[in-house]
């Protein structure tokens, strides 16, 4: 029943480490979806470890429609709230590998690079 998932997104991290962004993805049921997150925070040097980072984002997902509307909580007409925590590792030149936790249903591996 599940399909291959892909995602492309852009996010902005401000000097105070606040975060906002948007992602376009194909969910695991083959439906085009969007995650808009105007709220979030990054945590460089998580727990004092030089390269370890933490992050959370909060916003709205659109895209889980019939017959999969019950696969995400609080879904109404394809719209549902989301909070996504993550941990990552920062390499040279600010490249990062990150693990996003998608509730109790899954996780996503993310590769990021800075654009200036």
PDB file of N, CA and C in Angstrom:
ATOM      1  N   UNK A   1       0.816  -1.203   0.000  1.00  0.00           N
ATOM      2  CA  UNK A   1       0.000   0.000   0.000  1.00  0.00           C
ATOM      3  C   UNK A   1       0.859   1.268   0.000  1.00  0.00           C
ATOM      4  N   UNK A   2       2.058   1.212   0.607  1.00  0.00           N
ATOM      5  CA  UNK A   2       2.905   2.401   0.678  1.00  0.00           C
ATOM      6  C   UNK A   2       3.735   2.558  -0.588  1.00  0.00           C
ATOM      7  N   UNK A   3       4.030   3.808  -0.909  1.00  0.00           N
ATOM      8  CA  UNK A   3       4.789   4.143  -2.096  1.00  0.00           C
ATOM      9  C   UNK A   3       6.080   4.860  -1.710  1.00  0.00           C
ATOM     10  N   UNK A   4       6.986   4.983  -2.686  1.00  0.00           N
ATOM     11  CA  UNK A   4       8.237   5.709  -2.502  1.00  0.00           C
ATOM     12  C   UNK A   4       7.930   7.166  -2.169  1.00  0.00           C
ATOM     13  N   UNK A   5       8.636   7.744  -1.221  1.00  0.00           N
ATOM     14  CA  UNK A   5       8.421   9.121  -0.785  1.00  0.00           C
ATOM     15  C   UNK A   5       9.603   9.980  -1.209  1.00  0.00           C
ATOM     16  N   UNK A   6       9.312  11.170  -1.718  1.00  0.00           N
ATOM     17  CA  UNK A   6      10.351  12.161  -1.991  1.00  0.00           C
ATOM     18  C   UNK A   6       9.884  13.502  -1.442  1.00  0.00           C
ATOM     19  N   UNK A   7      10.833  14.393  -1.182  1.00  0.00           N
ATOM     20  CA  UNK A   7      10.517  15.706  -0.614  1.00  0.00           C
ATOM     21  C   UNK A   7      11.560  16.709  -1.083  1.00  0.00           C
ATOM     22  N   UNK A   8      11.122  17.906  -1.373  1.00  0.00           N
ATOM     23  CA  UNK A   8      12.020  19.025  -1.638  1.00  0.00           C
ATOM     24  C   UNK A   8      11.493  20.209  -0.840  1.00  0.00           C
ATOM     25  N   UNK A   9      12.398  20.947  -0.218  1.00  0.00           N
ATOM     26  CA  UNK A   9      11.944  22.042   0.618  1.00  0.00           C
ATOM     27  C   UNK A   9      12.983  23.127   0.739  1.00  0.00           C
ATOM     28  N   UNK A  10      12.537  24.218   1.288  1.00  0.00           N
ATOM     29  CA  UNK A  10      13.437  25.338   1.571  1.00  0.00           C
ATOM     30  C   UNK A  10      13.046  25.887   2.937  1.00  0.00           C
ATOM     31  N   UNK A  11      14.072  26.237   3.721  1.00  0.00           N
ATOM     32  CA  UNK A  11      13.782  26.817   5.021  1.00  0.00           C
ATOM     33  C   UNK A  11      14.764  27.934   5.307  1.00  0.00           C
ATOM     34  N   UNK A  12      14.328  28.803   6.174  1.00  0.00           N
ATOM     35  CA  UNK A  12      15.147  29.942   6.576  1.00  0.00           C
ATOM     36  C   UNK A  12      15.423  29.839   8.065  1.00  0.00           C
ATOM     37  N   UNK A  13      16.703  29.975   8.417  1.00  0.00           N
ATOM     38  CA  UNK A  13      17.108  30.008   9.819  1.00  0.00           C
ATOM     39  C   UNK A  13      17.667  31.397  10.085  1.00  0.00           C
ATOM     40  N   UNK A  14      17.063  32.121  11.023  1.00  0.00           N
ATOM     41  CA  UNK A  14      17.501  33.472  11.363  1.00  0.00           C
ATOM     42  C   UNK A  14      18.640  33.442  12.372  1.00  0.00           C
ATOM     43  N   UNK A  15      19.219  34.605  12.632  1.00  0.00           N
ATOM     44  CA  UNK A  15      20.359  34.704  13.556  1.00  0.00           C
ATOM     45  C   UNK A  15      20.035  34.231  14.966  1.00  0.00           C
ATOM     46  N   UNK A  16      18.754  34.328  15.357  1.00  0.00           N
ATOM     47  CA  UNK A  16      18.352  33.848  16.684  1.00  0.00           C
ATOM     48  C   UNK A  16      17.991  32.355  16.665  1.00  0.00           C
ATOM     49  N   UNK A  17      18.294  31.679  15.559  1.00  0.00           N
ATOM     50  CA  UNK A  17      18.045  30.246  15.340  1.00  0.00           C
ATOM     51  C   UNK A  17      16.567  29.894  15.194  1.00  0.00           C
ATOM     52  N   UNK A  18      15.705  30.910  15.031  1.00  0.00           N
ATOM     53  CA  UNK A  18      14.314  30.598  14.704  1.00  0.00           C
ATOM     54  C   UNK A  18      14.265  30.118  13.253  1.00  0.00           C
ATOM     55  N   UNK A  19      13.194  29.407  12.925  1.00  0.00           N
ATOM     56  CA  UNK A  19      13.142  28.674  11.669  1.00  0.00           C
ATOM     57  C   UNK A  19      11.753  28.754  11.067  1.00  0.00           C
ATOM     58  N   UNK A  20      11.696  28.814   9.739  1.00  0.00           N
ATOM     59  CA  UNK A  20      10.432  28.730   9.005  1.00  0.00           C
ATOM     60  C   UNK A  20      10.734  28.110   7.646  1.00  0.00           C
ATOM     61  N   UNK A  21       9.710  27.493   7.019  1.00  0.00           N
ATOM     62  CA  UNK A  21       9.968  26.899   5.724  1.00  0.00           C
ATOM     63  C   UNK A  21       8.733  26.295   5.092  1.00  0.00           C
ATOM     64  N   UNK A  22       8.962  25.700   3.934  1.00  0.00           N
ATOM     65  CA  UNK A  22       7.905  25.020   3.193  1.00  0.00           C
ATOM     66  C   UNK A  22       8.526  23.812   2.488  1.00  0.00           C
ATOM     67  N   UNK A  23       7.782  22.718   2.445  1.00  0.00           N
ATOM     68  CA  UNK A  23       8.228  21.495   1.775  1.00  0.00           C
ATOM     69  C   UNK A  23       7.108  20.976   0.882  1.00  0.00           C
ATOM     70  N   UNK A  24       7.489  20.504  -0.266  1.00  0.00           N
ATOM     71  CA  UNK A  24       6.566  19.851  -1.190  1.00  0.00           C
ATOM     72  C   UNK A  24       7.006  18.403  -1.279  1.00  0.00           C
ATOM     73  N   UNK A  25       6.082  17.469  -1.103  1.00  0.00           N
ATOM     74  CA  UNK A  25       6.470  16.071  -1.083  1.00  0.00           C
ATOM     75  C   UNK A  25       5.362  15.181  -1.620  1.00  0.00           C
ATOM     76  N   UNK A  26       5.748  13.969  -1.928  1.00  0.00           N
ATOM     77  CA  UNK A  26       4.809  12.930  -2.331  1.00  0.00           C
ATOM     78  C   UNK A  26       4.710  12.002  -1.129  1.00  0.00           C
ATOM     79  N   UNK A  27       3.534  11.951  -0.487  1.00  0.00           N
ATOM     80  CA  UNK A  27       3.422  11.158   0.735  1.00  0.00           C
ATOM     81  C   UNK A  27       3.457   9.651   0.430  1.00  0.00           C
ATOM     82  N   UNK A  28       3.473   8.864   1.461  1.00  0.00           N
ATOM     83  CA  UNK A  28       3.657   7.418   1.291  1.00  0.00           C
ATOM     84  C   UNK A  28       2.458   6.726   0.655  1.00  0.00           C
ATOM     85  N   UNK A  29       1.406   7.484   0.358  1.00  0.00           N
ATOM     86  CA  UNK A  29       0.242   6.925  -0.344  1.00  0.00           C
ATOM     87  C   UNK A  29       0.149   7.460  -1.771  1.00  0.00           C
ATOM     88  N   UNK A  30       1.239   8.128  -2.222  1.00  0.00           N
ATOM     89  CA  UNK A  30       1.306   8.620  -3.590  1.00  0.00           C
ATOM     90  C   UNK A  30       0.565   9.915  -3.833  1.00  0.00           C
ATOM     91  N   UNK A  31       0.230  10.650  -2.770  1.00  0.00           N
ATOM     92  CA  UNK A  31      -0.502  11.909  -2.912  1.00  0.00           C
ATOM     93  C   UNK A  31       0.454  13.100  -2.784  1.00  0.00           C
ATOM     94  N   UNK A  32       0.345  14.059  -3.699  1.00  0.00           N
ATOM     95  CA  UNK A  32       1.129  15.284  -3.584  1.00  0.00           C
ATOM     96  C   UNK A  32       0.700  16.027  -2.339  1.00  0.00           C
ATOM     97  N   UNK A  33       1.676  16.521  -1.571  1.00  0.00           N
ATOM     98  CA  UNK A  33       1.397  17.132  -0.280  1.00  0.00           C
ATOM     99  C   UNK A  33       2.322  18.322  -0.045  1.00  0.00           C
ATOM    100  N   UNK A  34       1.938  19.179   0.902  1.00  0.00           N
ATOM    101  CA  UNK A  34       2.713  20.361   1.262  1.00  0.00           C
ATOM    102  C   UNK A  34       2.755  20.471   2.785  1.00  0.00           C
ATOM    103  N   UNK A  35       3.920  20.849   3.315  1.00  0.00           N
ATOM    104  CA  UNK A  35       4.074  21.153   4.738  1.00  0.00           C
ATOM    105  C   UNK A  35       4.586  22.584   4.838  1.00  0.00           C
ATOM    106  N   UNK A  36       3.786  23.476   5.404  1.00  0.00           N
ATOM    107  CA  UNK A  36       4.173  24.868   5.615  1.00  0.00           C
ATOM    108  C   UNK A  36       4.393  25.045   7.111  1.00  0.00           C
ATOM    109  N   UNK A  37       5.599  25.480   7.482  1.00  0.00           N
ATOM    110  CA  UNK A  37       5.909  25.623   8.905  1.00  0.00           C
ATOM    111  C   UNK A  37       6.483  27.013   9.207  1.00  0.00           C
ATOM    112  N   UNK A  38       5.617  27.889   9.712  1.00  0.00           N
ATOM    113  CA  UNK A  38       6.069  29.235  10.070  1.00  0.00           C
ATOM    114  C   UNK A  38       6.759  29.300  11.433  1.00  0.00           C
ATOM    115  N   UNK A  39       6.718  28.214  12.186  1.00  0.00           N
ATOM    116  CA  UNK A  39       7.319  28.193  13.519  1.00  0.00           C
ATOM    117  C   UNK A  39       8.351  27.088  13.612  1.00  0.00           C
ATOM    118  N   UNK A  40       9.420  27.377  14.314  1.00  0.00           N
ATOM    119  CA  UNK A  40      10.437  26.367  14.558  1.00  0.00           C
ATOM    120  C   UNK A  40      11.660  26.974  15.219  1.00  0.00           C
ATOM    121  N   UNK A  41      12.567  26.107  15.611  1.00  0.00           N
ATOM    122  CA  UNK A  41      13.794  26.530  16.283  1.00  0.00           C
ATOM    123  C   UNK A  41      14.884  25.508  16.008  1.00  0.00           C
ATOM    124  N   UNK A  42      16.097  25.987  15.827  1.00  0.00           N
ATOM    125  CA  UNK A  42      17.244  25.097  15.699  1.00  0.00           C
ATOM    126  C   UNK A  42      18.107  25.230  16.953  1.00  0.00           C
ATOM    127  N   UNK A  43      18.849  24.161  17.250  1.00  0.00           N
ATOM    128  CA  UNK A  43      19.695  24.121  18.428  1.00  0.00           C
ATOM    129  C   UNK A  43      21.077  23.609  18.028  1.00  0.00           C
ATOM    130  N   UNK A  44      21.988  24.519  17.646  1.00  0.00           N
ATOM    131  CA  UNK A  44      23.345  24.080  17.350  1.00  0.00           C
ATOM    132  C   UNK A  44      24.037  23.614  18.634  1.00  0.00           C
ATOM    133  N   UNK A  45      25.014  22.744  18.472  1.00  0.00           N
ATOM    134  CA  UNK A  45      25.768  22.222  19.629  1.00  0.00           C
ATOM    135  C   UNK A  45      24.837  21.625  20.683  1.00  0.00           C
ATOM    136  N   UNK A  46      23.922  20.776  20.233  1.00  0.00           N
ATOM    137  CA  UNK A  46      22.968  20.130  21.121  1.00  0.00           C
ATOM    138  C   UNK A  46      23.706  19.349  22.198  1.00  0.00           C
ATOM    139  N   UNK A  47      23.299  19.545  23.441  1.00  0.00           N
ATOM    140  CA  UNK A  47      23.911  18.903  24.615  1.00  0.00           C
ATOM    141  C   UNK A  47      25.417  19.147  24.683  1.00  0.00           C
ATOM    142  N   UNK A  48      25.863  20.266  24.114  1.00  0.00           N
ATOM    143  CA  UNK A  48      27.280  20.626  24.153  1.00  0.00           C
ATOM    144  C   UNK A  48      28.161  19.857  23.185  1.00  0.00           C
ATOM    145  N   UNK A  49      27.559  19.067  22.321  1.00  0.00           N
ATOM    146  CA  UNK A  49      28.329  18.289  21.340  1.00  0.00           C
ATOM    147  C   UNK A  49      28.469  19.131  20.080  1.00  0.00           C
ATOM    148  N   UNK A  50      29.700  19.411  19.691  1.00  0.00           N
ATOM    149  CA  UNK A  50      30.034  20.361  18.628  1.00  0.00           C
ATOM    150  C   UNK A  50      29.200  20.209  17.359  1.00  0.00           C
ATOM    151  N   UNK A  51      29.098  19.048  16.795  1.00  0.00           N
ATOM    152  CA  UNK A  51      28.444  18.856  15.500  1.00  0.00           C
ATOM    153  C   UNK A  51      26.992  18.387  15.584  1.00  0.00           C
ATOM    154  N   UNK A  52      26.504  18.071  16.779  1.00  0.00           N
ATOM    155  CA  UNK A  52      25.138  17.576  16.938  1.00  0.00           C
ATOM    156  C   UNK A  52      24.160  18.750  16.970  1.00  0.00           C
ATOM    157  N   UNK A  53      23.078  18.641  16.208  1.00  0.00           N
ATOM    158  CA  UNK A  53      22.081  19.705  16.152  1.00  0.00           C
ATOM    159  C   UNK A  53      20.700  19.150  16.479  1.00  0.00           C
ATOM    160  N   UNK A  54      19.845  20.019  16.950  1.00  0.00           N
ATOM    161  CA  UNK A  54      18.450  19.673  17.180  1.00  0.00           C
ATOM    162  C   UNK A  54      17.576  20.676  16.457  1.00  0.00           C
ATOM    163  N   UNK A  55      16.353  20.289  16.205  1.00  0.00           N
ATOM    164  CA  UNK A  55      15.439  21.185  15.495  1.00  0.00           C
ATOM    165  C   UNK A  55      14.016  20.731  15.742  1.00  0.00           C
ATOM    166  N   UNK A  56      13.089  21.677  15.730  1.00  0.00           N
ATOM    167  CA  UNK A  56      11.670  21.352  15.685  1.00  0.00           C
ATOM    168  C   UNK A  56      11.001  22.356  14.763  1.00  0.00           C
ATOM    169  N   UNK A  57       9.947  21.897  14.145  1.00  0.00           N
ATOM    170  CA  UNK A  57       9.136  22.784  13.307  1.00  0.00           C
ATOM    171  C   UNK A  57       7.672  22.477  13.575  1.00  0.00           C
ATOM    172  N   UNK A  58       6.838  23.496  13.371  1.00  0.00           N
ATOM    173  CA  UNK A  58       5.397  23.330  13.585  1.00  0.00           C
ATOM    174  C   UNK A  58       4.656  24.093  12.498  1.00  0.00           C
ATOM    175  N   UNK A  59       3.613  23.453  11.979  1.00  0.00           N
ATOM    176  CA  UNK A  59       2.844  24.100  10.933  1.00  0.00           C
ATOM    177  C   UNK A  59       1.662  23.268  10.502  1.00  0.00           C
ATOM    178  N   UNK A  60       1.380  23.317   9.211  1.00  0.00           N
ATOM    179  CA  UNK A  60       0.199  22.690   8.651  1.00  0.00           C
ATOM    180  C   UNK A  60       0.580  21.825   7.454  1.00  0.00           C
ATOM    181  N   UNK A  61       0.061  20.599   7.435  1.00  0.00           N
ATOM    182  CA  UNK A  61       0.246  19.694   6.297  1.00  0.00           C
ATOM    183  C   UNK A  61      -1.049  19.656   5.506  1.00  0.00           C
ATOM    184  N   UNK A  62      -0.912  19.714   4.190  1.00  0.00           N
ATOM    185  CA  UNK A  62      -2.060  19.473   3.321  1.00  0.00           C
ATOM    186  C   UNK A  62      -1.705  18.343   2.371  1.00  0.00           C
ATOM    187  N   UNK A  63      -2.597  17.368   2.209  1.00  0.00           N
ATOM    188  CA  UNK A  63      -2.354  16.352   1.204  1.00  0.00           C
ATOM    189  C   UNK A  63      -2.840  14.958   1.528  1.00  0.00           C
ATOM    190  N   UNK A  64      -3.133  14.663   2.766  1.00  0.00           N
ATOM    191  CA  UNK A  64      -3.641  13.334   3.099  1.00  0.00           C
ATOM    192  C   UNK A  64      -5.154  13.341   2.906  1.00  0.00           C
ATOM    193  N   UNK A  65      -5.565  12.884   1.719  1.00  0.00           N
ATOM    194  CA  UNK A  65      -6.973  12.924   1.323  1.00  0.00           C
ATOM    195  C   UNK A  65      -7.510  11.507   1.217  1.00  0.00           C
ATOM    196  N   UNK A  66      -8.807  11.385   0.960  1.00  0.00           N
ATOM    197  CA  UNK A  66      -9.460  10.076   0.838  1.00  0.00           C
ATOM    198  C   UNK A  66      -8.684   9.168  -0.097  1.00  0.00           C
ATOM    199  N   UNK A  67      -8.525   7.954   0.247  1.00  0.00           N
ATOM    200  CA  UNK A  67      -9.052   7.242   1.412  1.00  0.00           C
ATOM    201  C   UNK A  67      -8.077   7.214   2.586  1.00  0.00           C
ATOM    202  N   UNK A  68      -7.076   8.105   2.610  1.00  0.00           N
ATOM    203  CA  UNK A  68      -6.024   8.072   3.626  1.00  0.00           C
ATOM    204  C   UNK A  68      -6.113   9.209   4.631  1.00  0.00           C
ATOM    205  N   UNK A  69      -7.247   9.882   4.707  1.00  0.00           N
ATOM    206  CA  UNK A  69      -7.375  11.030   5.600  1.00  0.00           C
ATOM    207  C   UNK A  69      -7.199  10.671   7.064  1.00  0.00           C
ATOM    208  N   UNK A  70      -7.403   9.422   7.439  1.00  0.00           N
ATOM    209  CA  UNK A  70      -7.243   9.006   8.831  1.00  0.00           C
ATOM    210  C   UNK A  70      -5.815   8.589   9.183  1.00  0.00           C
ATOM    211  N   UNK A  71      -4.891   8.722   8.246  1.00  0.00           N
ATOM    212  CA  UNK A  71      -3.505   8.316   8.496  1.00  0.00           C
ATOM    213  C   UNK A  71      -2.701   9.365   9.243  1.00  0.00           C
ATOM    214  N   UNK A  72      -3.214  10.586   9.344  1.00  0.00           N
ATOM    215  CA  UNK A  72      -2.586  11.630  10.161  1.00  0.00           C
ATOM    216  C   UNK A  72      -3.633  12.157  11.138  1.00  0.00           C
ATOM    217  N   UNK A  73      -3.218  12.496  12.358  1.00  0.00           N
ATOM    218  CA  UNK A  73      -4.198  12.941  13.353  1.00  0.00           C
ATOM    219  C   UNK A  73      -4.770  14.323  13.046  1.00  0.00           C
ATOM    220  N   UNK A  74      -5.985  14.534  13.468  1.00  0.00           N
ATOM    221  CA  UNK A  74      -6.677  15.826  13.387  1.00  0.00           C
ATOM    222  C   UNK A  74      -6.848  16.322  11.953  1.00  0.00           C
ATOM    223  N   UNK A  75      -6.909  15.416  10.995  1.00  0.00           N
ATOM    224  CA  UNK A  75      -7.063  15.788   9.590  1.00  0.00           C
ATOM    225  C   UNK A  75      -8.496  16.254   9.328  1.00  0.00           C
ATOM    226  N   UNK A  76      -8.611  17.380   8.634  1.00  0.00           N
ATOM    227  CA  UNK A  76      -9.925  17.900   8.234  1.00  0.00           C
ATOM    228  C   UNK A  76      -9.816  18.402   6.797  1.00  0.00           C
ATOM    229  N   UNK A  77     -10.493  17.721   5.868  1.00  0.00           N
ATOM    230  CA  UNK A  77     -10.465  18.077   4.444  1.00  0.00           C
ATOM    231  C   UNK A  77      -9.047  18.124   3.879  1.00  0.00           C
ATOM    232  N   UNK A  78      -8.171  17.237   4.360  1.00  0.00           N
ATOM    233  CA  UNK A  78      -6.803  17.165   3.865  1.00  0.00           C
ATOM    234  C   UNK A  78      -5.812  18.007   4.634  1.00  0.00           C
ATOM    235  N   UNK A  79      -6.262  18.861   5.541  1.00  0.00           N
ATOM    236  CA  UNK A  79      -5.398  19.729   6.340  1.00  0.00           C
ATOM    237  C   UNK A  79      -5.224  19.139   7.732  1.00  0.00           C
ATOM    238  N   UNK A  80      -3.992  19.128   8.220  1.00  0.00           N
ATOM    239  CA  UNK A  80      -3.749  18.657   9.581  1.00  0.00           C
ATOM    240  C   UNK A  80      -2.551  19.396  10.179  1.00  0.00           C
ATOM    241  N   UNK A  81      -2.587  19.658  11.494  1.00  0.00           N
ATOM    242  CA  UNK A  81      -1.453  20.296  12.150  1.00  0.00           C
ATOM    243  C   UNK A  81      -0.304  19.302  12.291  1.00  0.00           C
ATOM    244  N   UNK A  82       0.922  19.834  12.390  1.00  0.00           N
ATOM    245  CA  UNK A  82       2.086  18.955  12.546  1.00  0.00           C
ATOM    246  C   UNK A  82       3.156  19.627  13.393  1.00  0.00           C
ATOM    247  N   UNK A  83       3.841  18.814  14.176  1.00  0.00           N
ATOM    248  CA  UNK A  83       5.047  19.218  14.894  1.00  0.00           C
ATOM    249  C   UNK A  83       6.074  18.137  14.596  1.00  0.00           C
ATOM    250  N   UNK A  84       7.218  18.552  14.061  1.00  0.00           N
ATOM    251  CA  UNK A  84       8.233  17.580  13.658  1.00  0.00           C
ATOM    252  C   UNK A  84       9.553  17.894  14.354  1.00  0.00           C
ATOM    253  N   UNK A  85       9.966  17.053  15.305  1.00  0.00           N
ATOM    254  CA  UNK A  85      11.284  17.200  15.922  1.00  0.00           C
ATOM    255  C   UNK A  85      12.337  16.478  15.078  1.00  0.00           C
ATOM    256  N   UNK A  86      13.595  16.898  15.233  1.00  0.00           N
ATOM    257  CA  UNK A  86      14.674  16.294  14.454  1.00  0.00           C
ATOM    258  C   UNK A  86      16.001  16.412  15.196  1.00  0.00           C
ATOM    259  N   UNK A  87      16.914  15.498  14.892  1.00  0.00           N
ATOM    260  CA  UNK A  87      18.304  15.594  15.326  1.00  0.00           C
ATOM    261  C   UNK A  87      19.169  15.419  14.090  1.00  0.00           C
ATOM    262  N   UNK A  88      20.324  16.087  14.109  1.00  0.00           N
ATOM    263  CA  UNK A  88      21.185  16.016  12.935  1.00  0.00           C
ATOM    264  C   UNK A  88      22.649  16.121  13.288  1.00  0.00           C
ATOM    265  N   UNK A  89      23.459  15.944  12.265  1.00  0.00           N
ATOM    266  CA  UNK A  89      24.911  16.050  12.385  1.00  0.00           C
ATOM    267  C   UNK A  89      25.394  17.009  11.317  1.00  0.00           C
ATOM    268  N   UNK A  90      26.160  18.011  11.724  1.00  0.00           N
ATOM    269  CA  UNK A  90      26.648  19.030  10.796  1.00  0.00           C
ATOM    270  C   UNK A  90      28.072  18.711  10.367  1.00  0.00           C
ATOM    271  N   UNK A  91      28.271  18.692   9.057  1.00  0.00           N
ATOM    272  CA  UNK A  91      29.591  18.443   8.484  1.00  0.00           C
ATOM    273  C   UNK A  91      30.221  19.768   8.077  1.00  0.00           C
ATOM    274  N   UNK A  92      31.379  19.701   7.416  1.00  0.00           N
ATOM    275  CA  UNK A  92      32.047  20.903   6.929  1.00  0.00           C
ATOM    276  C   UNK A  92      31.119  21.677   6.006  1.00  0.00           C
ATOM    277  N   UNK A  93      31.320  22.977   5.908  1.00  0.00           N
ATOM    278  CA  UNK A  93      30.548  23.857   5.028  1.00  0.00           C
ATOM    279  C   UNK A  93      29.060  23.862   5.343  1.00  0.00           C
ATOM    280  N   UNK A  94      28.680  23.506   6.574  1.00  0.00           N
ATOM    281  CA  UNK A  94      27.281  23.541   7.026  1.00  0.00           C
ATOM    282  C   UNK A  94      26.381  22.486   6.376  1.00  0.00           C
ATOM    283  N   UNK A  95      26.928  21.501   5.697  1.00  0.00           N
ATOM    284  CA  UNK A  95      26.119  20.382   5.199  1.00  0.00           C
ATOM    285  C   UNK A  95      25.640  19.577   6.394  1.00  0.00           C
ATOM    286  N   UNK A  96      24.394  19.111   6.365  1.00  0.00           N
ATOM    287  CA  UNK A  96      23.875  18.338   7.486  1.00  0.00           C
ATOM    288  C   UNK A  96      23.137  17.089   7.019  1.00  0.00           C
ATOM    289  N   UNK A  97      23.163  16.093   7.871  1.00  0.00           N
ATOM    290  CA  UNK A  97      22.334  14.900   7.740  1.00  0.00           C
ATOM    291  C   UNK A  97      21.433  14.920   8.962  1.00  0.00           C
ATOM    292  N   UNK A  98      20.161  14.710   8.750  1.00  0.00           N
ATOM    293  CA  UNK A  98      19.191  14.904   9.824  1.00  0.00           C
ATOM    294  C   UNK A  98      18.163  13.784   9.816  1.00  0.00           C
ATOM    295  N   UNK A  99      17.706  13.397  10.993  1.00  0.00           N
ATOM    296  CA  UNK A  99      16.639  12.418  11.135  1.00  0.00           C
ATOM    297  C   UNK A  99      15.416  13.124  11.700  1.00  0.00           C
ATOM    298  N   UNK A 100      14.334  13.151  10.911  1.00  0.00           N
ATOM    299  CA  UNK A 100      13.072  13.782  11.306  1.00  0.00           C
ATOM    300  C   UNK A 100      12.142  12.707  11.834  1.00  0.00           C
ATOM    301  N   UNK A 101      11.521  12.969  12.972  1.00  0.00           N
ATOM    302  CA  UNK A 101      10.618  12.007  13.593  1.00  0.00           C
ATOM    303  C   UNK A 101       9.177  12.377  13.256  1.00  0.00           C
ATOM    304  N   UNK A 102       8.497  11.490  12.554  1.00  0.00           N
ATOM    305  CA  UNK A 102       7.147  11.734  12.056  1.00  0.00           C
ATOM    306  C   UNK A 102       6.131  11.022  12.938  1.00  0.00           C
ATOM    307  N   UNK A 103       5.965  11.530  14.125  1.00  0.00           N
ATOM    308  CA  UNK A 103       5.058  10.918  15.088  1.00  0.00           C
ATOM    309  C   UNK A 103       5.500   9.506  15.414  1.00  0.00           C
ATOM    310  N   UNK A 104       4.539   8.617  15.602  1.00  0.00           N
ATOM    311  CA  UNK A 104       4.857   7.218  15.887  1.00  0.00           C
ATOM    312  C   UNK A 104       4.869   6.380  14.611  1.00  0.00           C
ATOM    313  N   UNK A 105       4.653   7.032  13.455  1.00  0.00           N
ATOM    314  CA  UNK A 105       4.480   6.296  12.209  1.00  0.00           C
ATOM    315  C   UNK A 105       5.721   6.194  11.348  1.00  0.00           C
ATOM    316  N   UNK A 106       6.748   6.978  11.621  1.00  0.00           N
ATOM    317  CA  UNK A 106       7.897   6.879  10.749  1.00  0.00           C
ATOM    318  C   UNK A 106       8.952   7.922  11.045  1.00  0.00           C
ATOM    319  N   UNK A 107       9.995   7.851  10.246  1.00  0.00           N
ATOM    320  CA  UNK A 107      11.099   8.797  10.319  1.00  0.00           C
ATOM    321  C   UNK A 107      11.573   9.056   8.896  1.00  0.00           C
ATOM    322  N   UNK A 108      12.228  10.194   8.713  1.00  0.00           N
ATOM    323  CA  UNK A 108      12.714  10.558   7.391  1.00  0.00           C
ATOM    324  C   UNK A 108      14.167  11.003   7.516  1.00  0.00           C
ATOM    325  N   UNK A 109      15.011  10.495   6.647  1.00  0.00           N
ATOM    326  CA  UNK A 109      16.404  10.906   6.582  1.00  0.00           C
ATOM    327  C   UNK A 109      16.495  12.087   5.623  1.00  0.00           C
ATOM    328  N   UNK A 110      17.142  13.156   6.055  1.00  0.00           N
ATOM    329  CA  UNK A 110      17.219  14.386   5.269  1.00  0.00           C
ATOM    330  C   UNK A 110      18.661  14.803   5.100  1.00  0.00           C
ATOM    331  N   UNK A 111      19.017  15.247   3.890  1.00  0.00           N
ATOM    332  CA  UNK A 111      20.316  15.820   3.587  1.00  0.00           C
ATOM    333  C   UNK A 111      20.087  17.287   3.259  1.00  0.00           C
ATOM    334  N   UNK A 112      20.850  18.173   3.892  1.00  0.00           N
ATOM    335  CA  UNK A 112      20.655  19.610   3.686  1.00  0.00           C
ATOM    336  C   UNK A 112      21.965  20.285   3.346  1.00  0.00           C
ATOM    337  N   UNK A 113      21.862  21.342   2.531  1.00  0.00           N
ATOM    338  CA  UNK A 113      23.011  22.160   2.234  1.00  0.00           C
ATOM    339  C   UNK A 113      22.589  23.615   2.248  1.00  0.00           C
ATOM    340  N   UNK A 114      23.499  24.502   2.672  1.00  0.00           N
ATOM    341  CA  UNK A 114      23.135  25.922   2.771  1.00  0.00           C
ATOM    342  C   UNK A 114      23.103  26.582   1.396  1.00  0.00           C
ATOM    343  N   UNK A 115      22.198  27.538   1.256  1.00  0.00           N
ATOM    344  CA  UNK A 115      22.138  28.386   0.082  1.00  0.00           C
ATOM    345  C   UNK A 115      22.188  29.815   0.595  1.00  0.00           C
ATOM    346  N   UNK A 116      23.089  30.577   0.069  1.00  0.00           N
ATOM    347  CA  UNK A 116      23.244  31.963   0.583  1.00  0.00           C
ATOM    348  C   UNK A 116      22.946  32.958  -0.481  1.00  0.00           C
TER     349      UNK A 116
END
